[in-house]
Amino acid sequence: EVQLVESGGGLVQAGGSLRLSCAASGFTFDDYAIGWFRQAPGKERAGVSCISSSDGSTYYAESVDSVKGRFTISRDNAKNTVYLQMNNLKPEDTAVYFCVALFRCGDSPPLTYDYWGQGTQVTVSS
């Protein structure tokens, strides 16, 4: 059974930090890129960051609420786990954060895709 389980979310004040974890099982972890997406209330799910399977290349969303320079993605293939270190959090980072196993970074699979986690809530207070 494919499982991706996120953890590490919570309530934090603006400027604080959290580290999210995504623990995977039920598939060959090394063969997949792992992405982090987030969904704020009333908004569509959007990509945040991704780490490739091959050489560990990392990618970050470059948008109005850019996470580049504040978030760091990493993976530990021995533990089948991907991390998202989030520093200098802002209220606009408030969302449910999901991890997903991808064939390649840049993919945006449908919500019915089997390789999504269930999400973890991150709330940043001002």
PDB file of N, CA and C in Angstrom:
ATOM      1  N   GLU A   1       0.836  -1.185   0.000  1.00  0.00           N
ATOM      2  CA  GLU A   1       0.000   0.000   0.000  1.00  0.00           C
ATOM      3  C   GLU A   1       0.883   1.252   0.000  1.00  0.00           C
ATOM      4  N   VAL A   2       0.608   2.132  -0.955  1.00  0.00           N
ATOM      5  CA  VAL A   2       1.348   3.388  -1.027  1.00  0.00           C
ATOM      6  C   VAL A   2       0.899   4.313   0.105  1.00  0.00           C
ATOM      7  N   GLN A   3       1.859   4.844   0.831  1.00  0.00           N
ATOM      8  CA  GLN A   3       1.555   5.811   1.884  1.00  0.00           C
ATOM      9  C   GLN A   3       2.587   6.920   1.901  1.00  0.00           C
ATOM     10  N   LEU A   4       2.108   8.125   2.026  1.00  0.00           N
ATOM     11  CA  LEU A   4       2.943   9.284   2.298  1.00  0.00           C
ATOM     12  C   LEU A   4       2.300   9.990   3.477  1.00  0.00           C
ATOM     13  N   VAL A   5       3.057  10.151   4.535  1.00  0.00           N
ATOM     14  CA  VAL A   5       2.517  10.702   5.770  1.00  0.00           C
ATOM     15  C   VAL A   5       3.306  11.940   6.149  1.00  0.00           C
ATOM     16  N   GLU A   6       2.604  13.063   6.154  1.00  0.00           N
ATOM     17  CA  GLU A   6       3.229  14.317   6.548  1.00  0.00           C
ATOM     18  C   GLU A   6       3.113  14.526   8.060  1.00  0.00           C
ATOM     19  N   SER A   7       4.076  15.196   8.606  1.00  0.00           N
ATOM     20  CA  SER A   7       4.038  15.570  10.019  1.00  0.00           C
ATOM     21  C   SER A   7       4.855  16.835  10.220  1.00  0.00           C
ATOM     22  N   GLY A   8       4.725  17.420  11.397  1.00  0.00           N
ATOM     23  CA  GLY A   8       5.529  18.586  11.735  1.00  0.00           C
ATOM     24  C   GLY A   8       4.811  19.916  11.640  1.00  0.00           C
ATOM     25  N   GLY A   9       3.570  19.899  11.176  1.00  0.00           N
ATOM     26  CA  GLY A   9       2.827  21.148  11.109  1.00  0.00           C
ATOM     27  C   GLY A   9       2.436  21.637  12.495  1.00  0.00           C
ATOM     28  N   GLY A  10       1.878  22.827  12.544  1.00  0.00           N
ATOM     29  CA  GLY A  10       1.450  23.378  13.821  1.00  0.00           C
ATOM     30  C   GLY A  10       1.222  24.862  13.719  1.00  0.00           C
ATOM     31  N   LEU A  11       1.090  25.468  14.887  1.00  0.00           N
ATOM     32  CA  LEU A  11       0.865  26.913  15.002  1.00  0.00           C
ATOM     33  C   LEU A  11       2.171  27.573  15.404  1.00  0.00           C
ATOM     34  N   VAL A  12       2.548  28.610  14.677  1.00  0.00           N
ATOM     35  CA  VAL A  12       3.796  29.304  14.955  1.00  0.00           C
ATOM     36  C   VAL A  12       3.587  30.791  14.702  1.00  0.00           C
ATOM     37  N   GLN A  13       4.334  31.605  15.389  1.00  0.00           N
ATOM     38  CA  GLN A  13       4.257  33.057  15.156  1.00  0.00           C
ATOM     39  C   GLN A  13       5.062  33.443  13.925  1.00  0.00           C
ATOM     40  N   ALA A  14       4.680  34.545  13.335  1.00  0.00           N
ATOM     41  CA  ALA A  14       5.426  35.066  12.194  1.00  0.00           C
ATOM     42  C   ALA A  14       6.901  35.213  12.564  1.00  0.00           C
ATOM     43  N   GLY A  15       7.763  34.817  11.633  1.00  0.00           N
ATOM     44  CA  GLY A  15       9.185  34.827  11.885  1.00  0.00           C
ATOM     45  C   GLY A  15       9.725  33.526  12.442  1.00  0.00           C
ATOM     46  N   GLY A  16       8.834  32.635  12.836  1.00  0.00           N
ATOM     47  CA  GLY A  16       9.243  31.356  13.399  1.00  0.00           C
ATOM     48  C   GLY A  16       9.568  30.326  12.339  1.00  0.00           C
ATOM     49  N   SER A  17       9.860  29.114  12.802  1.00  0.00           N
ATOM     50  CA  SER A  17      10.278  28.029  11.918  1.00  0.00           C
ATOM     51  C   SER A  17       9.513  26.749  12.228  1.00  0.00           C
ATOM     52  N   LEU A  18       9.372  25.934  11.214  1.00  0.00           N
ATOM     53  CA  LEU A  18       8.841  24.585  11.346  1.00  0.00           C
ATOM     54  C   LEU A  18       9.599  23.681  10.384  1.00  0.00           C
ATOM     55  N   ARG A  19       9.678  22.409  10.718  1.00  0.00           N
ATOM     56  CA  ARG A  19      10.228  21.434   9.783  1.00  0.00           C
ATOM     57  C   ARG A  19       9.176  20.366   9.539  1.00  0.00           C
ATOM     58  N   LEU A  20       8.757  20.282   8.305  1.00  0.00           N
ATOM     59  CA  LEU A  20       7.801  19.252   7.907  1.00  0.00           C
ATOM     60  C   LEU A  20       8.550  18.008   7.454  1.00  0.00           C
ATOM     61  N   SER A  21       7.949  16.870   7.732  1.00  0.00           N
ATOM     62  CA  SER A  21       8.492  15.597   7.271  1.00  0.00           C
ATOM     63  C   SER A  21       7.447  14.889   6.426  1.00  0.00           C
ATOM     64  N   CYS A  22       7.932  14.132   5.455  1.00  0.00           N
ATOM     65  CA  CYS A  22       7.071  13.301   4.618  1.00  0.00           C
ATOM     66  C   CYS A  22       7.688  11.911   4.591  1.00  0.00           C
ATOM     67  N   ALA A  23       7.066  10.992   5.296  1.00  0.00           N
ATOM     68  CA  ALA A  23       7.559   9.618   5.370  1.00  0.00           C
ATOM     69  C   ALA A  23       6.804   8.767   4.376  1.00  0.00           C
ATOM     70  N   ALA A  24       7.541   8.080   3.508  1.00  0.00           N
ATOM     71  CA  ALA A  24       6.926   7.332   2.421  1.00  0.00           C
ATOM     72  C   ALA A  24       7.133   5.841   2.588  1.00  0.00           C
ATOM     73  N   SER A  25       6.179   5.066   2.084  1.00  0.00           N
ATOM     74  CA  SER A  25       6.297   3.610   2.092  1.00  0.00           C
ATOM     75  C   SER A  25       5.417   3.041   0.992  1.00  0.00           C
ATOM     76  N   GLY A  26       5.688   1.791   0.637  1.00  0.00           N
ATOM     77  CA  GLY A  26       4.842   1.110  -0.329  1.00  0.00           C
ATOM     78  C   GLY A  26       5.241   1.296  -1.781  1.00  0.00           C
ATOM     79  N   PHE A  27       6.353   1.985  -2.042  1.00  0.00           N
ATOM     80  CA  PHE A  27       6.854   2.139  -3.405  1.00  0.00           C
ATOM     81  C   PHE A  27       8.362   2.384  -3.323  1.00  0.00           C
ATOM     82  N   THR A  28       9.007   2.350  -4.477  1.00  0.00           N
ATOM     83  CA  THR A  28      10.460   2.526  -4.523  1.00  0.00           C
ATOM     84  C   THR A  28      10.774   4.012  -4.437  1.00  0.00           C
ATOM     85  N   PHE A  29      11.044   4.440  -3.233  1.00  0.00           N
ATOM     86  CA  PHE A  29      11.189   5.865  -2.932  1.00  0.00           C
ATOM     87  C   PHE A  29      12.256   6.522  -3.803  1.00  0.00           C
ATOM     88  N   ASP A  30      13.369   5.825  -3.993  1.00  0.00           N
ATOM     89  CA  ASP A  30      14.499   6.419  -4.723  1.00  0.00           C
ATOM     90  C   ASP A  30      14.143   6.773  -6.167  1.00  0.00           C
ATOM     91  N   ASP A  31      13.099   6.152  -6.706  1.00  0.00           N
ATOM     92  CA  ASP A  31      12.747   6.351  -8.115  1.00  0.00           C
ATOM     93  C   ASP A  31      11.889   7.582  -8.354  1.00  0.00           C
ATOM     94  N   TYR A  32      11.469   8.228  -7.280  1.00  0.00           N
ATOM     95  CA  TYR A  32      10.503   9.310  -7.418  1.00  0.00           C
ATOM     96  C   TYR A  32      11.056  10.641  -6.923  1.00  0.00           C
ATOM     97  N   ALA A  33      10.714  11.687  -7.658  1.00  0.00           N
ATOM     98  CA  ALA A  33      10.850  13.031  -7.115  1.00  0.00           C
ATOM     99  C   ALA A  33       9.758  13.215  -6.059  1.00  0.00           C
ATOM    100  N   ILE A  34      10.017  14.049  -5.100  1.00  0.00           N
ATOM    101  CA  ILE A  34       9.028  14.336  -4.062  1.00  0.00           C
ATOM    102  C   ILE A  34       8.769  15.843  -4.046  1.00  0.00           C
ATOM    103  N   GLY A  35       7.511  16.181  -4.136  1.00  0.00           N
ATOM    104  CA  GLY A  35       7.127  17.586  -4.125  1.00  0.00           C
ATOM    105  C   GLY A  35       6.338  17.942  -2.885  1.00  0.00           C
ATOM    106  N   TRP A  36       6.410  19.200  -2.519  1.00  0.00           N
ATOM    107  CA  TRP A  36       5.550  19.768  -1.483  1.00  0.00           C
ATOM    108  C   TRP A  36       4.612  20.778  -2.167  1.00  0.00           C
ATOM    109  N   PHE A  37       3.341  20.631  -1.872  1.00  0.00           N
ATOM    110  CA  PHE A  37       2.323  21.563  -2.336  1.00  0.00           C
ATOM    111  C   PHE A  37       1.625  22.118  -1.100  1.00  0.00           C
ATOM    112  N   ARG A  38       0.937  23.219  -1.269  1.00  0.00           N
ATOM    113  CA  ARG A  38       0.139  23.742  -0.170  1.00  0.00           C
ATOM    114  C   ARG A  38      -1.180  24.282  -0.708  1.00  0.00           C
ATOM    115  N   GLN A  39      -2.165  24.260   0.175  1.00  0.00           N
ATOM    116  CA  GLN A  39      -3.490  24.747  -0.195  1.00  0.00           C
ATOM    117  C   GLN A  39      -4.038  25.591   0.941  1.00  0.00           C
ATOM    118  N   ALA A  40      -4.200  26.860   0.660  1.00  0.00           N
ATOM    119  CA  ALA A  40      -4.787  27.782   1.615  1.00  0.00           C
ATOM    120  C   ALA A  40      -6.297  27.785   1.432  1.00  0.00           C
ATOM    121  N   PRO A  41      -7.046  28.192   2.456  1.00  0.00           N
ATOM    122  CA  PRO A  41      -8.504  28.222   2.346  1.00  0.00           C
ATOM    123  C   PRO A  41      -8.958  29.044   1.150  1.00  0.00           C
ATOM    124  N   GLY A  42      -9.828  28.461   0.344  1.00  0.00           N
ATOM    125  CA  GLY A  42     -10.367  29.167  -0.805  1.00  0.00           C
ATOM    126  C   GLY A  42      -9.441  29.263  -1.996  1.00  0.00           C
ATOM    127  N   LYS A  43      -8.285  28.627  -1.906  1.00  0.00           N
ATOM    128  CA  LYS A  43      -7.318  28.694  -3.008  1.00  0.00           C
ATOM    129  C   LYS A  43      -7.023  27.300  -3.548  1.00  0.00           C
ATOM    130  N   GLU A  44      -6.473  27.272  -4.743  1.00  0.00           N
ATOM    131  CA  GLU A  44      -6.087  25.996  -5.332  1.00  0.00           C
ATOM    132  C   GLU A  44      -4.772  25.503  -4.722  1.00  0.00           C
ATOM    133  N   ARG A  45      -4.590  24.206  -4.794  1.00  0.00           N
ATOM    134  CA  ARG A  45      -3.327  23.628  -4.348  1.00  0.00           C
ATOM    135  C   ARG A  45      -2.213  24.103  -5.267  1.00  0.00           C
ATOM    136  N   ALA A  46      -1.102  24.512  -4.690  1.00  0.00           N
ATOM    137  CA  ALA A  46      -0.010  25.084  -5.471  1.00  0.00           C
ATOM    138  C   ALA A  46       1.315  24.478  -5.050  1.00  0.00           C
ATOM    139  N   GLY A  47       2.193  24.311  -6.011  1.00  0.00           N
ATOM    140  CA  GLY A  47       3.510  23.758  -5.727  1.00  0.00           C
ATOM    141  C   GLY A  47       4.366  24.708  -4.921  1.00  0.00           C
ATOM    142  N   VAL A  48       5.115  24.153  -3.995  1.00  0.00           N
ATOM    143  CA  VAL A  48       6.008  24.934  -3.139  1.00  0.00           C
ATOM    144  C   VAL A  48       7.465  24.604  -3.434  1.00  0.00           C
ATOM    145  N   SER A  49       7.756  23.325  -3.466  1.00  0.00           N
ATOM    146  CA  SER A  49       9.141  22.907  -3.632  1.00  0.00           C
ATOM    147  C   SER A  49       9.163  21.469  -4.115  1.00  0.00           C
ATOM    148  N   CYS A  50      10.306  21.069  -4.684  1.00  0.00           N
ATOM    149  CA  CYS A  50      10.434  19.706  -5.170  1.00  0.00           C
ATOM    150  C   CYS A  50      11.906  19.311  -5.137  1.00  0.00           C
ATOM    151  N   ILE A  51      12.131  18.022  -4.921  1.00  0.00           N
ATOM    152  CA  ILE A  51      13.490  17.499  -4.972  1.00  0.00           C
ATOM    153  C   ILE A  51      13.484  16.288  -5.890  1.00  0.00           C
ATOM    154  N   SER A  52      14.436  16.242  -6.798  1.00  0.00           N
ATOM    155  CA  SER A  52      14.443  15.189  -7.798  1.00  0.00           C
ATOM    156  C   SER A  52      14.926  13.867  -7.215  1.00  0.00           C
ATOM    157  N   SER A  53      14.692  12.808  -7.971  1.00  0.00           N
ATOM    158  CA  SER A  53      15.121  11.477  -7.544  1.00  0.00           C
ATOM    159  C   SER A  53      16.554  11.200  -7.960  1.00  0.00           C
ATOM    160  N   SER A  54      16.973  11.762  -9.069  1.00  0.00           N
ATOM    161  CA  SER A  54      18.241  11.381  -9.668  1.00  0.00           C
ATOM    162  C   SER A  54      19.439  12.010  -8.957  1.00  0.00           C
ATOM    163  N   ASP A  55      19.522  13.311  -9.010  1.00  0.00           N
ATOM    164  CA  ASP A  55      20.695  13.985  -8.455  1.00  0.00           C
ATOM    165  C   ASP A  55      20.358  14.889  -7.282  1.00  0.00           C
ATOM    166  N   GLY A  56      19.126  14.818  -6.806  1.00  0.00           N
ATOM    167  CA  GLY A  56      18.753  15.630  -5.650  1.00  0.00           C
ATOM    168  C   GLY A  56      18.616  17.102  -5.947  1.00  0.00           C
ATOM    169  N   SER A  57      18.422  17.430  -7.220  1.00  0.00           N
ATOM    170  CA  SER A  57      18.209  18.838  -7.570  1.00  0.00           C
ATOM    171  C   SER A  57      16.961  19.351  -6.876  1.00  0.00           C
ATOM    172  N   THR A  58      17.022  20.603  -6.454  1.00  0.00           N
ATOM    173  CA  THR A  58      15.904  21.184  -5.723  1.00  0.00           C
ATOM    174  C   THR A  58      15.305  22.360  -6.480  1.00  0.00           C
ATOM    175  N   TYR A  59      14.025  22.541  -6.294  1.00  0.00           N
ATOM    176  CA  TYR A  59      13.285  23.582  -6.982  1.00  0.00           C
ATOM    177  C   TYR A  59      12.335  24.239  -5.987  1.00  0.00           C
ATOM    178  N   TYR A  60      12.150  25.534  -6.182  1.00  0.00           N
ATOM    179  CA  TYR A  60      11.269  26.295  -5.296  1.00  0.00           C
ATOM    180  C   TYR A  60      10.363  27.182  -6.139  1.00  0.00           C
ATOM    181  N   ALA A  61       9.139  27.303  -5.671  1.00  0.00           N
ATOM    182  CA  ALA A  61       8.191  28.162  -6.375  1.00  0.00           C
ATOM    183  C   ALA A  61       8.669  29.604  -6.318  1.00  0.00           C
ATOM    184  N   GLU A  62       8.534  30.261  -7.438  1.00  0.00           N
ATOM    185  CA  GLU A  62       8.878  31.682  -7.493  1.00  0.00           C
ATOM    186  C   GLU A  62       7.586  32.427  -7.801  1.00  0.00           C
ATOM    187  N   SER A  63       6.950  32.872  -6.740  1.00  0.00           N
ATOM    188  CA  SER A  63       5.670  33.551  -6.893  1.00  0.00           C
ATOM    189  C   SER A  63       5.656  34.753  -5.972  1.00  0.00           C
ATOM    190  N   VAL A  64       4.491  35.352  -5.895  1.00  0.00           N
ATOM    191  CA  VAL A  64       4.366  36.538  -5.057  1.00  0.00           C
ATOM    192  C   VAL A  64       4.750  36.220  -3.628  1.00  0.00           C
ATOM    193  N   ASP A  65       4.262  35.082  -3.146  1.00  0.00           N
ATOM    194  CA  ASP A  65       4.602  34.672  -1.778  1.00  0.00           C
ATOM    195  C   ASP A  65       5.779  33.719  -1.847  1.00  0.00           C
ATOM    196  N   SER A  66       6.891  34.182  -2.418  1.00  0.00           N
ATOM    197  CA  SER A  66       8.005  33.294  -2.691  1.00  0.00           C
ATOM    198  C   SER A  66       8.563  32.671  -1.436  1.00  0.00           C
ATOM    199  N   VAL A  67       8.834  31.383  -1.561  1.00  0.00           N
ATOM    200  CA  VAL A  67       9.438  30.670  -0.444  1.00  0.00           C
ATOM    201  C   VAL A  67      10.936  30.525  -0.624  1.00  0.00           C
ATOM    202  N   LYS A  68      11.412  30.924  -1.793  1.00  0.00           N
ATOM    203  CA  LYS A  68      12.837  30.769  -2.073  1.00  0.00           C
ATOM    204  C   LYS A  68      13.644  31.610  -1.098  1.00  0.00           C
ATOM    205  N   GLY A  69      14.624  30.982  -0.518  1.00  0.00           N
ATOM    206  CA  GLY A  69      15.440  31.662   0.476  1.00  0.00           C
ATOM    207  C   GLY A  69      14.947  31.489   1.889  1.00  0.00           C
ATOM    208  N   ARG A  70      13.726  31.021   2.026  1.00  0.00           N
ATOM    209  CA  ARG A  70      13.173  30.785   3.365  1.00  0.00           C
ATOM    210  C   ARG A  70      12.950  29.296   3.621  1.00  0.00           C
ATOM    211  N   PHE A  71      12.621  28.543   2.576  1.00  0.00           N
ATOM    212  CA  PHE A  71      12.343  27.113   2.713  1.00  0.00           C
ATOM    213  C   PHE A  71      13.496  26.318   2.110  1.00  0.00           C
ATOM    214  N   THR A  72      13.772  25.171   2.703  1.00  0.00           N
ATOM    215  CA  THR A  72      14.790  24.264   2.193  1.00  0.00           C
ATOM    216  C   THR A  72      14.239  22.848   2.178  1.00  0.00           C
ATOM    217  N   ILE A  73      14.311  22.216   1.013  1.00  0.00           N
ATOM    218  CA  ILE A  73      13.853  20.840   0.884  1.00  0.00           C
ATOM    219  C   ILE A  73      15.064  19.921   0.876  1.00  0.00           C
ATOM    220  N   SER A  74      14.910  18.756   1.485  1.00  0.00           N
ATOM    221  CA  SER A  74      15.989  17.765   1.487  1.00  0.00           C
ATOM    222  C   SER A  74      15.365  16.382   1.561  1.00  0.00           C
ATOM    223  N   ARG A  75      16.154  15.378   1.238  1.00  0.00           N
ATOM    224  CA  ARG A  75      15.642  14.017   1.310  1.00  0.00           C
ATOM    225  C   ARG A  75      16.689  13.094   1.907  1.00  0.00           C
ATOM    226  N   ASP A  76      16.194  12.084   2.611  1.00  0.00           N
ATOM    227  CA  ASP A  76      17.034  11.040   3.188  1.00  0.00           C
ATOM    228  C   ASP A  76      16.517   9.724   2.628  1.00  0.00           C
ATOM    229  N   ASN A  77      17.173   9.230   1.593  1.00  0.00           N
ATOM    230  CA  ASN A  77      16.696   8.012   0.943  1.00  0.00           C
ATOM    231  C   ASN A  77      16.791   6.794   1.860  1.00  0.00           C
ATOM    232  N   ALA A  78      17.706   6.807   2.781  1.00  0.00           N
ATOM    233  CA  ALA A  78      17.827   5.686   3.723  1.00  0.00           C
ATOM    234  C   ALA A  78      16.605   5.599   4.631  1.00  0.00           C
ATOM    235  N   LYS A  79      15.968   6.730   4.861  1.00  0.00           N
ATOM    236  CA  LYS A  79      14.788   6.767   5.740  1.00  0.00           C
ATOM    237  C   LYS A  79      13.488   6.940   4.958  1.00  0.00           C
ATOM    238  N   ASN A  80      13.586   6.979   3.637  1.00  0.00           N
ATOM    239  CA  ASN A  80      12.393   7.198   2.801  1.00  0.00           C
ATOM    240  C   ASN A  80      11.622   8.434   3.258  1.00  0.00           C
ATOM    241  N   THR A  81      12.344   9.495   3.510  1.00  0.00           N
ATOM    242  CA  THR A  81      11.732  10.692   4.078  1.00  0.00           C
ATOM    243  C   THR A  81      12.260  11.944   3.373  1.00  0.00           C
ATOM    244  N   VAL A  82      11.346  12.863   3.162  1.00  0.00           N
ATOM    245  CA  VAL A  82      11.687  14.189   2.638  1.00  0.00           C
ATOM    246  C   VAL A  82      11.299  15.216   3.679  1.00  0.00           C
ATOM    247  N   TYR A  83      12.124  16.238   3.790  1.00  0.00           N
ATOM    248  CA  TYR A  83      11.905  17.293   4.775  1.00  0.00           C
ATOM    249  C   TYR A  83      11.700  18.631   4.075  1.00  0.00           C
ATOM    250  N   LEU A  84      10.944  19.490   4.732  1.00  0.00           N
ATOM    251  CA  LEU A  84      10.811  20.865   4.288  1.00  0.00           C
ATOM    252  C   LEU A  84      11.060  21.759   5.498  1.00  0.00           C
ATOM    253  N   GLN A  85      12.240  22.352   5.521  1.00  0.00           N
ATOM    254  CA  GLN A  85      12.573  23.289   6.589  1.00  0.00           C
ATOM    255  C   GLN A  85      12.036  24.657   6.199  1.00  0.00           C
ATOM    256  N   MET A  86      11.200  25.208   7.051  1.00  0.00           N
ATOM    257  CA  MET A  86      10.549  26.483   6.749  1.00  0.00           C
ATOM    258  C   MET A  86      10.966  27.505   7.802  1.00  0.00           C
ATOM    259  N   ASN A  87      11.673  28.521   7.355  1.00  0.00           N
ATOM    260  CA  ASN A  87      12.143  29.575   8.242  1.00  0.00           C
ATOM    261  C   ASN A  87      11.469  30.895   7.895  1.00  0.00           C
ATOM    262  N   ASN A  88      11.534  31.821   8.845  1.00  0.00           N
ATOM    263  CA  ASN A  88      10.957  33.152   8.639  1.00  0.00           C
ATOM    264  C   ASN A  88       9.536  33.050   8.083  1.00  0.00           C
ATOM    265  N   LEU A  89       8.730  32.266   8.744  1.00  0.00           N
ATOM    266  CA  LEU A  89       7.368  32.035   8.266  1.00  0.00           C
ATOM    267  C   LEU A  89       6.532  33.303   8.322  1.00  0.00           C
ATOM    268  N   LYS A  90       5.635  33.424   7.360  1.00  0.00           N
ATOM    269  CA  LYS A  90       4.758  34.578   7.239  1.00  0.00           C
ATOM    270  C   LYS A  90       3.307  34.112   7.327  1.00  0.00           C
ATOM    271  N   PRO A  91       2.404  34.992   7.722  1.00  0.00           N
ATOM    272  CA  PRO A  91       0.990  34.582   7.775  1.00  0.00           C
ATOM    273  C   PRO A  91       0.478  34.026   6.447  1.00  0.00           C
ATOM    274  N   GLU A  92       1.005  34.515   5.335  1.00  0.00           N
ATOM    275  CA  GLU A  92       0.559  34.008   4.030  1.00  0.00           C
ATOM    276  C   GLU A  92       1.046  32.597   3.738  1.00  0.00           C
ATOM    277  N   ASP A  93       1.907  32.065   4.588  1.00  0.00           N
ATOM    278  CA  ASP A  93       2.321  30.660   4.454  1.00  0.00           C
ATOM    279  C   ASP A  93       1.294  29.713   5.079  1.00  0.00           C
ATOM    280  N   THR A  94       0.302  30.256   5.738  1.00  0.00           N
ATOM    281  CA  THR A  94      -0.735  29.430   6.359  1.00  0.00           C
ATOM    282  C   THR A  94      -1.466  28.619   5.303  1.00  0.00           C
ATOM    283  N   ALA A  95      -1.466  27.307   5.485  1.00  0.00           N
ATOM    284  CA  ALA A  95      -2.070  26.401   4.502  1.00  0.00           C
ATOM    285  C   ALA A  95      -1.957  24.978   5.018  1.00  0.00           C
ATOM    286  N   VAL A  96      -2.639  24.074   4.330  1.00  0.00           N
ATOM    287  CA  VAL A  96      -2.372  22.654   4.518  1.00  0.00           C
ATOM    288  C   VAL A  96      -1.274  22.280   3.534  1.00  0.00           C
ATOM    289  N   TYR A  97      -0.253  21.629   4.035  1.00  0.00           N
ATOM    290  CA  TYR A  97       0.893  21.253   3.221  1.00  0.00           C
ATOM    291  C   TYR A  97       0.827  19.758   2.915  1.00  0.00           C
ATOM    292  N   PHE A  98       0.985  19.444   1.642  1.00  0.00           N
ATOM    293  CA  PHE A  98       0.911  18.063   1.164  1.00  0.00           C
ATOM    294  C   PHE A  98       2.226  17.664   0.505  1.00  0.00           C
ATOM    295  N   CYS A  99       2.629  16.434   0.689  1.00  0.00           N
ATOM    296  CA  CYS A  99       3.729  15.921  -0.112  1.00  0.00           C
ATOM    297  C   CYS A  99       3.157  14.938  -1.135  1.00  0.00           C
ATOM    298  N   VAL A 100       3.914  14.774  -2.219  1.00  0.00           N
ATOM    299  CA  VAL A 100       3.451  13.927  -3.312  1.00  0.00           C
ATOM    300  C   VAL A 100       4.657  13.323  -4.017  1.00  0.00           C
ATOM    301  N   ALA A 101       4.533  12.074  -4.409  1.00  0.00           N
ATOM    302  CA  ALA A 101       5.586  11.408  -5.171  1.00  0.00           C
ATOM    303  C   ALA A 101       5.324  11.646  -6.654  1.00  0.00           C
ATOM    304  N   LEU A 102       6.329  12.128  -7.359  1.00  0.00           N
ATOM    305  CA  LEU A 102       6.189  12.536  -8.752  1.00  0.00           C
ATOM    306  C   LEU A 102       7.172  11.800  -9.645  1.00  0.00           C
ATOM    307  N   PHE A 103       6.815  11.659 -10.909  1.00  0.00           N
ATOM    308  CA  PHE A 103       7.782  11.123 -11.861  1.00  0.00           C
ATOM    309  C   PHE A 103       8.906  12.131 -12.097  1.00  0.00           C
ATOM    310  N   ARG A 104       8.547  13.400 -12.066  1.00  0.00           N
ATOM    311  CA  ARG A 104       9.563  14.444 -12.247  1.00  0.00           C
ATOM    312  C   ARG A 104       9.050  15.722 -11.606  1.00  0.00           C
ATOM    313  N   CYS A 105       9.977  16.537 -11.135  1.00  0.00           N
ATOM    314  CA  CYS A 105       9.595  17.843 -10.608  1.00  0.00           C
ATOM    315  C   CYS A 105       8.967  18.660 -11.739  1.00  0.00           C
ATOM    316  N   GLY A 106       7.945  19.387 -11.378  1.00  0.00           N
ATOM    317  CA  GLY A 106       7.209  20.160 -12.368  1.00  0.00           C
ATOM    318  C   GLY A 106       5.860  19.558 -12.685  1.00  0.00           C
ATOM    319  N   ASP A 107       5.718  18.252 -12.419  1.00  0.00           N
ATOM    320  CA  ASP A 107       4.424  17.608 -12.595  1.00  0.00           C
ATOM    321  C   ASP A 107       3.447  18.155 -11.552  1.00  0.00           C
ATOM    322  N   SER A 108       2.179  18.178 -11.925  1.00  0.00           N
ATOM    323  CA  SER A 108       1.122  18.607 -11.013  1.00  0.00           C
ATOM    324  C   SER A 108      -0.046  17.640 -11.155  1.00  0.00           C
ATOM    325  N   PRO A 109       0.012  16.545 -10.428  1.00  0.00           N
ATOM    326  CA  PRO A 109      -0.990  15.494 -10.608  1.00  0.00           C
ATOM    327  C   PRO A 109      -2.355  15.882 -10.055  1.00  0.00           C
ATOM    328  N   PRO A 110      -3.396  15.220 -10.524  1.00  0.00           N
ATOM    329  CA  PRO A 110      -4.740  15.503 -10.008  1.00  0.00           C
ATOM    330  C   PRO A 110      -4.875  15.064  -8.560  1.00  0.00           C
ATOM    331  N   LEU A 111      -5.890  15.574  -7.896  1.00  0.00           N
ATOM    332  CA  LEU A 111      -6.091  15.249  -6.490  1.00  0.00           C
ATOM    333  C   LEU A 111      -6.464  13.781  -6.294  1.00  0.00           C
ATOM    334  N   THR A 112      -6.880  13.131  -7.360  1.00  0.00           N
ATOM    335  CA  THR A 112      -7.228  11.713  -7.262  1.00  0.00           C
ATOM    336  C   THR A 112      -6.006  10.809  -7.365  1.00  0.00           C
ATOM    337  N   TYR A 113      -4.876  11.366  -7.643  1.00  0.00           N
ATOM    338  CA  TYR A 113      -3.613  10.610  -7.743  1.00  0.00           C
ATOM    339  C   TYR A 113      -3.354   9.901  -6.417  1.00  0.00           C
ATOM    340  N   ASP A 114      -2.906   8.655  -6.504  1.00  0.00           N
ATOM    341  CA  ASP A 114      -2.761   7.834  -5.303  1.00  0.00           C
ATOM    342  C   ASP A 114      -1.571   8.206  -4.436  1.00  0.00           C
ATOM    343  N   TYR A 115      -0.664   9.000  -4.976  1.00  0.00           N
ATOM    344  CA  TYR A 115       0.597   9.223  -4.281  1.00  0.00           C
ATOM    345  C   TYR A 115       0.634  10.565  -3.553  1.00  0.00           C
ATOM    346  N   TRP A 116      -0.520  11.074  -3.153  1.00  0.00           N
ATOM    347  CA  TRP A 116      -0.581  12.247  -2.281  1.00  0.00           C
ATOM    348  C   TRP A 116      -0.597  11.808  -0.822  1.00  0.00           C
ATOM    349  N   GLY A 117      -0.006  12.621   0.046  1.00  0.00           N
ATOM    350  CA  GLY A 117      -0.213  12.434   1.466  1.00  0.00           C
ATOM    351  C   GLY A 117      -1.514  13.098   1.885  1.00  0.00           C
ATOM    352  N   GLN A 118      -1.823  12.982   3.182  1.00  0.00           N
ATOM    353  CA  GLN A 118      -3.104  13.495   3.668  1.00  0.00           C
ATOM    354  C   GLN A 118      -3.016  14.954   4.093  1.00  0.00           C
ATOM    355  N   GLY A 119      -1.820  15.473   4.225  1.00  0.00           N
ATOM    356  CA  GLY A 119      -1.621  16.876   4.538  1.00  0.00           C
ATOM    357  C   GLY A 119      -1.377  17.145   6.010  1.00  0.00           C
ATOM    358  N   THR A 120      -0.703  18.253   6.273  1.00  0.00           N
ATOM    359  CA  THR A 120      -0.473  18.723   7.634  1.00  0.00           C
ATOM    360  C   THR A 120      -0.711  20.229   7.667  1.00  0.00           C
ATOM    361  N   GLN A 121      -1.410  20.683   8.700  1.00  0.00           N
ATOM    362  CA  GLN A 121      -1.796  22.089   8.787  1.00  0.00           C
ATOM    363  C   GLN A 121      -0.648  22.925   9.334  1.00  0.00           C
ATOM    364  N   VAL A 122      -0.382  24.016   8.641  1.00  0.00           N
ATOM    365  CA  VAL A 122       0.573  25.013   9.129  1.00  0.00           C
ATOM    366  C   VAL A 122      -0.179  26.326   9.291  1.00  0.00           C
ATOM    367  N   THR A 123      -0.129  26.872  10.484  1.00  0.00           N
ATOM    368  CA  THR A 123      -0.800  28.141  10.753  1.00  0.00           C
ATOM    369  C   THR A 123       0.224  29.124  11.310  1.00  0.00           C
ATOM    370  N   VAL A 124       0.331  30.269  10.659  1.00  0.00           N
ATOM    371  CA  VAL A 124       1.290  31.283  11.080  1.00  0.00           C
ATOM    372  C   VAL A 124       0.508  32.505  11.544  1.00  0.00           C
ATOM    373  N   SER A 125       0.676  32.846  12.785  1.00  0.00           N
ATOM    374  CA  SER A 125      -0.043  33.998  13.349  1.00  0.00           C
ATOM    375  C   SER A 125       0.806  35.264  13.218  1.00  0.00           C
ATOM    376  N   SER A 126       0.126  36.374  13.073  1.00  0.00           N
ATOM    377  CA  SER A 126       0.844  37.655  12.909  1.00  0.00           C
ATOM    378  C   SER A 126       1.107  38.317  14.247  1.00  0.00           C
TER     379      SER A 126
END
